[in-house]
N, C-alpha and C. Protein backbone atom coordinates (compact mmCIF):
# COMPACT_ATOMS: atom_id res chain seq x y z
N MET A 1 16.88 14.64 29.25
CA MET A 1 17.60 14.59 28.26
C MET A 1 17.47 13.38 27.60
N GLU A 2 17.31 12.14 28.53
CA GLU A 2 16.80 11.10 27.89
C GLU A 2 15.44 11.13 27.41
N VAL A 3 14.94 11.31 27.37
CA VAL A 3 13.27 11.66 27.27
C VAL A 3 13.03 12.67 26.08
N VAL A 4 14.19 13.75 25.70
CA VAL A 4 14.00 14.31 24.46
C VAL A 4 14.78 13.55 23.15
N LEU A 5 15.63 12.88 23.64
CA LEU A 5 16.11 12.27 23.09
C LEU A 5 15.37 11.29 22.20
N ALA A 6 14.93 10.07 23.18
CA ALA A 6 13.30 8.81 22.69
C ALA A 6 12.37 9.52 21.71
N VAL A 7 12.19 10.78 22.37
CA VAL A 7 11.21 11.68 21.33
C VAL A 7 11.70 11.85 19.87
N ALA A 8 12.75 12.56 19.52
CA ALA A 8 13.48 12.78 19.12
C ALA A 8 13.67 12.02 17.72
N VAL A 9 14.28 10.70 18.33
CA VAL A 9 13.91 9.22 17.34
C VAL A 9 13.11 9.13 16.74
N THR A 10 11.96 8.72 17.50
CA THR A 10 10.41 8.98 17.37
C THR A 10 9.90 9.52 16.69
N SER A 11 10.44 10.39 16.72
CA SER A 11 8.90 11.29 15.32
C SER A 11 9.75 11.34 14.23
N PHE A 12 11.16 11.15 14.36
CA PHE A 12 12.05 10.82 12.92
C PHE A 12 12.11 9.60 12.39
N GLY A 13 11.08 8.71 12.85
CA GLY A 13 10.92 7.24 12.54
C GLY A 13 9.40 7.21 11.93
N CYS A 14 8.68 8.74 12.51
CA CYS A 14 7.06 8.57 12.22
C CYS A 14 7.27 9.62 10.94
N VAL A 15 8.13 10.46 10.85
CA VAL A 15 8.25 11.59 9.21
C VAL A 15 8.25 10.51 8.65
N SER A 16 9.22 10.13 8.31
CA SER A 16 10.23 8.73 7.32
C SER A 16 8.99 8.02 6.81
N LEU A 17 8.13 7.26 8.46
CA LEU A 17 7.03 6.46 7.36
C LEU A 17 5.96 7.40 6.69
N LEU A 18 5.52 8.46 7.34
CA LEU A 18 4.40 9.44 6.61
C LEU A 18 5.07 9.58 5.51
N GLY A 19 6.42 9.60 4.87
CA GLY A 19 6.82 9.66 3.65
C GLY A 19 6.90 9.42 2.83
N LEU A 20 6.45 7.60 3.34
CA LEU A 20 6.49 6.74 2.52
C LEU A 20 4.35 6.17 1.94
N LEU A 21 4.26 6.67 2.68
CA LEU A 21 2.78 7.08 2.40
C LEU A 21 2.25 7.43 0.57
N PRO A 22 2.55 8.86 0.61
CA PRO A 22 2.20 8.84 -0.90
C PRO A 22 2.86 7.98 -1.76
N ALA A 23 3.34 6.95 -1.38
CA ALA A 23 4.94 5.78 -2.80
C ALA A 23 4.05 4.80 -2.81
N GLY A 24 2.95 4.53 -1.74
CA GLY A 24 2.52 2.92 -0.99
C GLY A 24 1.01 3.47 -1.98
N LEU A 25 0.24 4.21 -1.87
CA LEU A 25 -0.47 4.90 -2.40
C LEU A 25 -0.75 4.96 -3.86
N ASP A 26 0.32 5.14 -4.62
CA ASP A 26 0.55 5.17 -5.94
C ASP A 26 0.69 4.39 -6.61
N THR A 27 1.03 3.26 -5.69
CA THR A 27 1.48 1.97 -5.92
C THR A 27 0.41 0.49 -5.57
N PHE A 28 -0.66 1.22 -4.95
CA PHE A 28 -1.92 0.50 -4.44
C PHE A 28 -2.91 1.33 -5.72
N GLY A 29 -2.88 2.09 -6.30
CA GLY A 29 -3.60 1.97 -7.55
C GLY A 29 -3.42 2.05 -8.71
N SER A 30 -2.31 2.28 -8.80
CA SER A 30 -2.05 1.22 -9.94
C SER A 30 -2.16 0.17 -10.09
N ALA A 31 -1.74 -0.81 -9.45
CA ALA A 31 -2.18 -2.52 -8.71
C ALA A 31 -3.57 -2.41 -9.18
N MET A 32 -4.83 -1.51 -8.91
CA MET A 32 -6.01 -1.49 -8.91
C MET A 32 -6.40 -1.35 -10.30
N ASP A 33 -6.01 -0.59 -10.86
CA ASP A 33 -6.42 -0.31 -12.24
C ASP A 33 -5.94 -1.59 -13.40
N ASN A 34 -5.06 -1.46 -12.72
CA ASN A 34 -3.87 -2.97 -13.73
C ASN A 34 -4.90 -4.26 -13.87
N SER A 35 -5.26 -4.50 -12.48
CA SER A 35 -6.44 -5.70 -12.00
C SER A 35 -7.57 -5.32 -12.46
N ILE A 36 -8.65 -4.16 -12.42
CA ILE A 36 -9.70 -3.65 -13.34
C ILE A 36 -9.58 -3.79 -14.92
N ARG A 37 -7.86 -3.81 -15.71
CA ARG A 37 -7.85 -3.91 -16.92
C ARG A 37 -7.73 -5.26 -17.67
N GLY A 38 -7.26 -5.93 -16.78
CA GLY A 38 -7.60 -7.45 -17.10
C GLY A 38 -8.57 -8.03 -16.69
N GLN A 39 -9.43 -7.53 -15.56
CA GLN A 39 -10.33 -8.48 -15.87
C GLN A 39 -11.45 -7.79 -16.72
N ILE A 40 -11.41 -6.58 -17.53
CA ILE A 40 -12.03 -6.01 -18.22
C ILE A 40 -11.28 -7.08 -19.48
N ALA A 41 -10.43 -7.20 -19.50
CA ALA A 41 -9.56 -7.86 -21.08
C ALA A 41 -10.21 -8.88 -20.98
N GLN A 42 -10.46 -9.50 -19.98
CA GLN A 42 -10.74 -11.41 -19.77
C GLN A 42 -12.26 -11.42 -19.71
N ARG A 43 -13.02 -10.37 -19.57
CA ARG A 43 -14.26 -10.03 -20.25
C ARG A 43 -15.05 -9.95 -21.39
N LEU A 44 -14.42 -9.28 -22.32
CA LEU A 44 -13.83 -9.18 -23.73
C LEU A 44 -14.09 -10.00 -24.67
N ILE A 45 -12.81 -11.16 -24.42
CA ILE A 45 -12.36 -12.16 -24.64
C ILE A 45 -13.38 -12.96 -24.43
N ASN A 46 -13.63 -13.19 -23.34
CA ASN A 46 -14.57 -14.57 -23.07
C ASN A 46 -15.85 -14.37 -23.65
N ASP A 47 -16.57 -12.92 -23.63
CA ASP A 47 -17.81 -12.93 -24.48
C ASP A 47 -18.07 -13.13 -26.17
N ALA A 48 -15.78 -12.66 -26.43
CA ALA A 48 -15.65 -13.39 -28.08
C ALA A 48 -15.94 -14.72 -28.37
N LYS A 49 -15.28 -15.16 -27.28
CA LYS A 49 -15.05 -16.69 -27.92
C LYS A 49 -16.82 -17.28 -27.83
N GLN A 50 -17.57 -16.87 -27.18
CA GLN A 50 -18.81 -17.32 -27.45
C GLN A 50 -19.83 -16.85 -28.16
N THR A 51 -19.56 -15.57 -28.79
CA THR A 51 -20.00 -15.18 -29.91
C THR A 51 -19.80 -16.29 -31.26
N ASP A 52 -20.61 -15.99 -32.07
CA ASP A 52 -20.54 -16.43 -33.67
C ASP A 52 -19.37 -15.86 -34.08
N PHE A 53 -18.18 -17.08 -35.05
CA PHE A 53 -16.78 -17.04 -35.34
C PHE A 53 -17.15 -16.21 -36.14
N ASP A 54 -18.06 -16.11 -37.47
CA ASP A 54 -18.18 -15.25 -38.84
C ASP A 54 -18.85 -14.04 -38.20
N VAL A 55 -20.01 -13.85 -36.85
CA VAL A 55 -20.05 -12.02 -36.67
C VAL A 55 -19.88 -11.42 -35.74
N LEU A 56 -18.28 -11.99 -35.68
CA LEU A 56 -17.34 -11.75 -34.74
C LEU A 56 -17.68 -9.92 -34.64
N ASN A 57 -17.99 -9.05 -34.10
CA ASN A 57 -18.31 -7.66 -33.83
C ASN A 57 -16.83 -7.22 -33.17
N SER A 58 -15.74 -6.03 -34.29
CA SER A 58 -15.01 -5.15 -34.09
C SER A 58 -14.79 -4.04 -34.20
N GLY A 59 -14.06 -3.91 -33.28
CA GLY A 59 -13.75 -1.90 -33.46
C GLY A 59 -14.78 -1.58 -32.74
N ALA A 60 -15.75 -2.04 -32.07
CA ALA A 60 -16.70 -0.75 -31.00
C ALA A 60 -16.01 -0.78 -29.78
N ARG A 61 -16.59 0.48 -29.42
CA ARG A 61 -15.69 0.86 -27.82
C ARG A 61 -17.19 0.36 -27.03
N LEU A 62 -16.41 0.48 -26.05
CA LEU A 62 -17.19 -0.50 -24.39
C LEU A 62 -16.66 0.88 -23.25
N HIS A 63 -17.55 1.29 -22.54
CA HIS A 63 -17.11 2.10 -21.35
C HIS A 63 -17.46 1.36 -20.01
N PHE A 64 -16.35 1.31 -19.59
CA PHE A 64 -16.42 1.29 -17.44
C PHE A 64 -16.21 2.00 -16.80
N ASP A 65 -16.94 1.68 -15.50
CA ASP A 65 -16.88 2.87 -14.32
C ASP A 65 -15.25 2.37 -14.10
N ALA A 66 -15.00 2.66 -12.90
CA ALA A 66 -14.19 2.39 -11.83
C ALA A 66 -13.20 0.85 -11.21
N GLU A 67 -15.29 0.81 -11.13
CA GLU A 67 -14.87 -0.88 -10.99
C GLU A 67 -14.81 -1.74 -11.77
N GLY A 68 -14.93 -1.41 -13.08
CA GLY A 68 -15.10 -2.67 -14.07
C GLY A 68 -16.22 -2.85 -14.82
N ASN A 69 -17.78 -1.78 -14.45
CA ASN A 69 -18.41 -2.65 -14.61
C ASN A 69 -18.77 -2.26 -15.87
N HIS A 70 -19.58 -2.67 -17.18
CA HIS A 70 -20.32 -1.82 -18.12
C HIS A 70 -20.98 -0.97 -18.12
N LEU A 71 -20.75 0.26 -18.25
CA LEU A 71 -21.78 0.83 -18.92
C LEU A 71 -22.92 1.21 -20.02
N THR A 72 -23.89 0.96 -19.72
CA THR A 72 -24.58 0.68 -20.94
C THR A 72 -25.43 1.74 -21.89
N GLY A 73 -25.70 1.79 -22.59
CA GLY A 73 -26.09 3.04 -23.43
C GLY A 73 -26.46 3.62 -24.72
N ALA A 74 -27.18 4.51 -25.43
CA ALA A 74 -27.11 5.00 -26.59
C ALA A 74 -25.36 4.85 -27.04
N PRO A 75 -25.18 4.96 -28.38
CA PRO A 75 -24.00 5.32 -28.91
C PRO A 75 -23.68 6.62 -28.53
N THR A 76 -22.41 7.53 -27.85
CA THR A 76 -23.17 8.73 -28.36
C THR A 76 -21.76 9.02 -28.90
N ALA A 77 -21.05 10.28 -29.66
CA ALA A 77 -19.52 10.43 -29.81
C ALA A 77 -18.44 10.64 -28.43
N THR A 78 -19.14 11.07 -27.30
CA THR A 78 -18.47 11.17 -26.01
C THR A 78 -19.16 9.66 -25.21
N PRO A 79 -17.51 9.60 -24.29
CA PRO A 79 -18.19 8.65 -23.83
C PRO A 79 -19.15 9.15 -22.64
N PRO A 80 -20.30 7.75 -22.27
CA PRO A 80 -20.94 8.47 -21.42
C PRO A 80 -20.54 8.81 -19.82
N ALA A 81 -21.20 9.59 -18.37
CA ALA A 81 -20.65 9.85 -17.38
C ALA A 81 -20.60 8.52 -17.01
N GLY A 82 -18.89 9.26 -15.58
CA GLY A 82 -18.71 7.85 -15.09
C GLY A 82 -17.62 6.96 -15.54
N THR A 83 -17.43 7.37 -16.72
CA THR A 83 -16.47 5.98 -17.73
C THR A 83 -15.00 6.90 -17.02
N VAL A 84 -14.17 6.00 -16.86
CA VAL A 84 -13.30 6.03 -15.93
C VAL A 84 -12.18 4.70 -17.08
N PHE A 85 -12.85 3.80 -17.83
CA PHE A 85 -12.15 2.83 -19.06
C PHE A 85 -12.54 2.70 -19.81
N THR A 86 -12.16 3.16 -21.18
CA THR A 86 -12.75 2.47 -22.30
C THR A 86 -11.85 1.61 -23.04
N ALA A 87 -12.15 1.25 -23.65
CA ALA A 87 -11.96 -0.48 -24.09
C ALA A 87 -12.57 -0.67 -26.21
N GLN A 88 -12.06 -1.22 -26.62
CA GLN A 88 -12.05 -1.52 -27.90
C GLN A 88 -11.77 -2.80 -28.38
N MET A 89 -12.34 -3.80 -28.82
CA MET A 89 -11.94 -4.88 -29.25
C MET A 89 -11.24 -4.86 -30.75
N VAL A 90 -10.38 -5.97 -31.20
CA VAL A 90 -10.36 -5.73 -32.46
C VAL A 90 -9.86 -6.59 -33.12
N SER A 91 -10.35 -7.46 -34.42
CA SER A 91 -10.33 -8.54 -34.36
C SER A 91 -8.50 -8.49 -36.47
N LEU A 92 -7.87 -9.56 -35.46
CA LEU A 92 -6.50 -8.91 -35.93
C LEU A 92 -6.49 -10.18 -37.56
N GLY A 93 -7.81 -10.82 -37.46
CA GLY A 93 -7.53 -12.19 -38.63
C GLY A 93 -7.23 -13.11 -38.32
N ASN A 94 -7.23 -14.46 -39.26
CA ASN A 94 -6.26 -16.12 -38.69
C ASN A 94 -5.28 -16.10 -38.12
N ALA A 95 -5.22 -16.45 -37.44
CA ALA A 95 -3.83 -16.79 -36.39
C ALA A 95 -3.14 -17.32 -37.02
N THR A 96 -1.85 -17.14 -37.47
CA THR A 96 -0.48 -18.40 -37.37
C THR A 96 -0.30 -18.87 -37.29
N LEU A 97 -0.38 -20.06 -36.61
CA LEU A 97 0.10 -21.18 -35.86
C LEU A 97 2.04 -21.35 -36.35
N PRO A 98 2.68 -21.67 -35.38
CA PRO A 98 3.84 -21.43 -35.11
C PRO A 98 4.73 -22.75 -36.26
N ALA A 99 4.16 -23.81 -36.48
CA ALA A 99 4.24 -24.80 -36.99
C ALA A 99 3.91 -24.52 -38.72
N ALA A 100 2.38 -24.31 -38.76
CA ALA A 100 1.46 -24.31 -39.29
C ALA A 100 2.17 -23.62 -40.61
N PRO A 101 1.96 -24.24 -42.25
CA PRO A 101 2.10 -23.14 -43.24
C PRO A 101 1.31 -21.66 -43.65
N ALA A 102 0.04 -22.35 -43.20
CA ALA A 102 -0.40 -20.87 -43.89
C ALA A 102 -1.37 -20.91 -42.91
N PRO A 103 -2.14 -19.32 -42.55
CA PRO A 103 -3.26 -18.99 -41.26
C PRO A 103 -3.86 -20.23 -40.82
N SER A 104 -4.47 -20.57 -39.75
CA SER A 104 -5.95 -20.94 -39.90
C SER A 104 -7.18 -20.90 -39.97
N GLN A 105 -7.88 -21.76 -40.87
CA GLN A 105 -9.20 -21.60 -40.92
C GLN A 105 -10.27 -21.19 -39.68
N SER A 106 -9.94 -21.58 -38.96
CA SER A 106 -10.92 -21.77 -36.79
C SER A 106 -9.95 -21.15 -36.38
N LEU A 107 -9.26 -20.46 -36.27
CA LEU A 107 -9.13 -19.64 -35.02
C LEU A 107 -8.59 -17.87 -35.71
N LEU A 108 -9.32 -17.14 -34.36
CA LEU A 108 -9.12 -15.47 -35.28
C LEU A 108 -8.18 -15.03 -33.81
N THR A 109 -7.22 -14.03 -34.76
CA THR A 109 -6.74 -13.10 -32.78
C THR A 109 -7.21 -12.03 -32.89
N VAL A 110 -7.56 -12.09 -31.45
CA VAL A 110 -8.33 -10.67 -31.28
C VAL A 110 -7.04 -9.87 -30.35
N ARG A 111 -7.42 -8.32 -30.50
CA ARG A 111 -6.80 -7.63 -29.57
C ARG A 111 -7.52 -6.51 -28.78
N VAL A 112 -7.44 -6.35 -27.43
CA VAL A 112 -8.10 -6.01 -26.89
C VAL A 112 -6.95 -4.83 -26.32
N GLN A 113 -7.84 -3.65 -25.95
CA GLN A 113 -7.48 -1.82 -26.12
C GLN A 113 -8.21 -1.52 -25.13
N ILE A 114 -7.22 -1.31 -24.18
CA ILE A 114 -7.92 -0.38 -22.86
C ILE A 114 -7.56 0.88 -22.78
N ALA A 115 -8.06 1.45 -22.12
CA ALA A 115 -7.16 3.07 -22.10
C ALA A 115 -8.27 3.43 -20.30
N LYS A 116 -7.32 3.86 -19.95
CA LYS A 116 -8.02 4.63 -18.35
C LYS A 116 -8.14 6.29 -18.98
N ASN A 117 -9.94 6.55 -19.19
CA ASN A 117 -10.15 7.47 -19.98
C ASN A 117 -11.10 7.71 -19.24
N PRO A 118 -10.96 8.90 -17.80
CA PRO A 118 -11.82 9.71 -16.87
C PRO A 118 -11.87 10.88 -17.91
N GLY A 119 -11.44 11.42 -18.45
CA GLY A 119 -11.12 12.73 -18.83
C GLY A 119 -12.72 12.66 -19.93
N ARG A 120 -13.10 11.41 -20.49
CA ARG A 120 -14.07 11.06 -21.79
C ARG A 120 -13.87 11.58 -23.01
N THR A 121 -12.30 11.08 -23.25
CA THR A 121 -12.34 12.13 -24.88
C THR A 121 -12.56 10.59 -25.52
N PRO A 122 -12.94 11.59 -26.76
CA PRO A 122 -13.81 10.30 -27.52
C PRO A 122 -13.29 9.56 -28.29
N ASP A 123 -11.82 9.23 -28.50
CA ASP A 123 -11.07 8.86 -29.32
C ASP A 123 -9.78 8.76 -28.23
N PRO A 124 -9.48 8.01 -27.42
CA PRO A 124 -8.38 7.62 -26.61
C PRO A 124 -7.50 6.47 -27.50
N PHE A 125 -6.96 6.31 -28.01
CA PHE A 125 -6.82 5.10 -28.69
C PHE A 125 -5.57 5.96 -29.68
N THR A 126 -5.84 7.10 -30.40
CA THR A 126 -5.28 7.78 -31.32
C THR A 126 -3.55 7.90 -30.76
N PRO A 127 -2.71 8.08 -31.12
CA PRO A 127 -1.37 8.90 -31.08
C PRO A 127 -2.01 10.42 -29.82
N ALA A 128 -2.41 11.19 -30.49
CA ALA A 128 -2.60 12.45 -30.41
C ALA A 128 -3.95 12.37 -29.40
N SER A 129 -3.98 11.77 -28.57
CA SER A 129 -5.06 11.84 -27.37
C SER A 129 -3.81 11.53 -26.22
N ARG A 130 -2.75 11.27 -26.34
CA ARG A 130 -1.54 10.91 -25.09
C ARG A 130 -2.12 10.07 -24.71
N ILE A 131 -3.03 8.98 -24.32
CA ILE A 131 -3.06 8.59 -23.21
C ILE A 131 -2.75 6.99 -23.04
N PRO A 132 -2.67 6.75 -22.02
CA PRO A 132 -1.57 5.42 -22.62
C PRO A 132 -2.15 4.11 -22.77
N VAL A 133 -1.67 3.12 -23.38
CA VAL A 133 -3.22 2.35 -23.39
C VAL A 133 -2.84 0.91 -22.93
N THR A 134 -3.29 -0.24 -23.06
CA THR A 134 -2.79 -1.51 -22.34
C THR A 134 -3.45 -2.09 -23.16
N THR A 135 -2.48 -3.08 -23.88
CA THR A 135 -3.20 -3.76 -24.80
C THR A 135 -2.85 -5.46 -24.48
N TYR A 136 -3.92 -6.64 -25.11
CA TYR A 136 -4.04 -7.53 -24.42
C TYR A 136 -4.71 -8.40 -25.64
N CYS A 137 -3.73 -9.49 -26.17
CA CYS A 137 -4.44 -10.21 -26.79
C CYS A 137 -4.85 -12.03 -26.82
N GLY A 138 -5.81 -12.67 -27.71
CA GLY A 138 -6.02 -13.85 -27.38
C GLY A 138 -6.49 -14.25 -28.57
N TYR A 139 -7.02 -15.81 -28.64
CA TYR A 139 -7.51 -16.44 -29.34
C TYR A 139 -8.63 -17.02 -29.38
N VAL A 140 -9.72 -16.49 -30.64
CA VAL A 140 -10.77 -17.11 -30.26
C VAL A 140 -10.88 -18.32 -31.73
N ALA A 141 -11.22 -19.71 -31.36
CA ALA A 141 -11.97 -20.45 -32.10
C ALA A 141 -13.22 -21.07 -32.27
N LYS A 142 -13.21 -21.43 -33.70
CA LYS A 142 -14.40 -21.77 -33.75
C LYS A 142 -15.43 -23.16 -33.85
N ASN A 143 -16.23 -22.46 -32.91
CA ASN A 143 -17.24 -23.27 -32.04
C ASN A 143 -17.97 -24.79 -32.86
N ARG A 144 -17.55 -24.48 -33.92
CA ARG A 144 -18.51 -25.25 -34.95
C ARG A 144 -17.76 -25.92 -35.73
């Protein structure tokens, strides 16, 4: 009788732990996606900081795989195979500092938008696509 009771208690505990496994895997996947999005945004903002201020490209869409590696190739209407994240950087113009009376002529605000796009939607940034978009902002200073 004691052995049956011990097995019942142990099995109840094991089933409870197995029930938590899907929630843990979802949380882990979400954390990985957030980490990769942050790496992509950091890479794009750092590239913008190293680009000549006057020719900073805005609006180009870049595609990345599940590990955050940039997928290169000729631009097409649909993202290349293997695309998991689609990103675009948009220049918002000269930044206005809190105590400044006018926008700074040597500081730009850039916005990086990243969408998880494994379905390879051509334009994941429109509201019609219904794809969640993560937005990061950064400042790019004139280096001359």
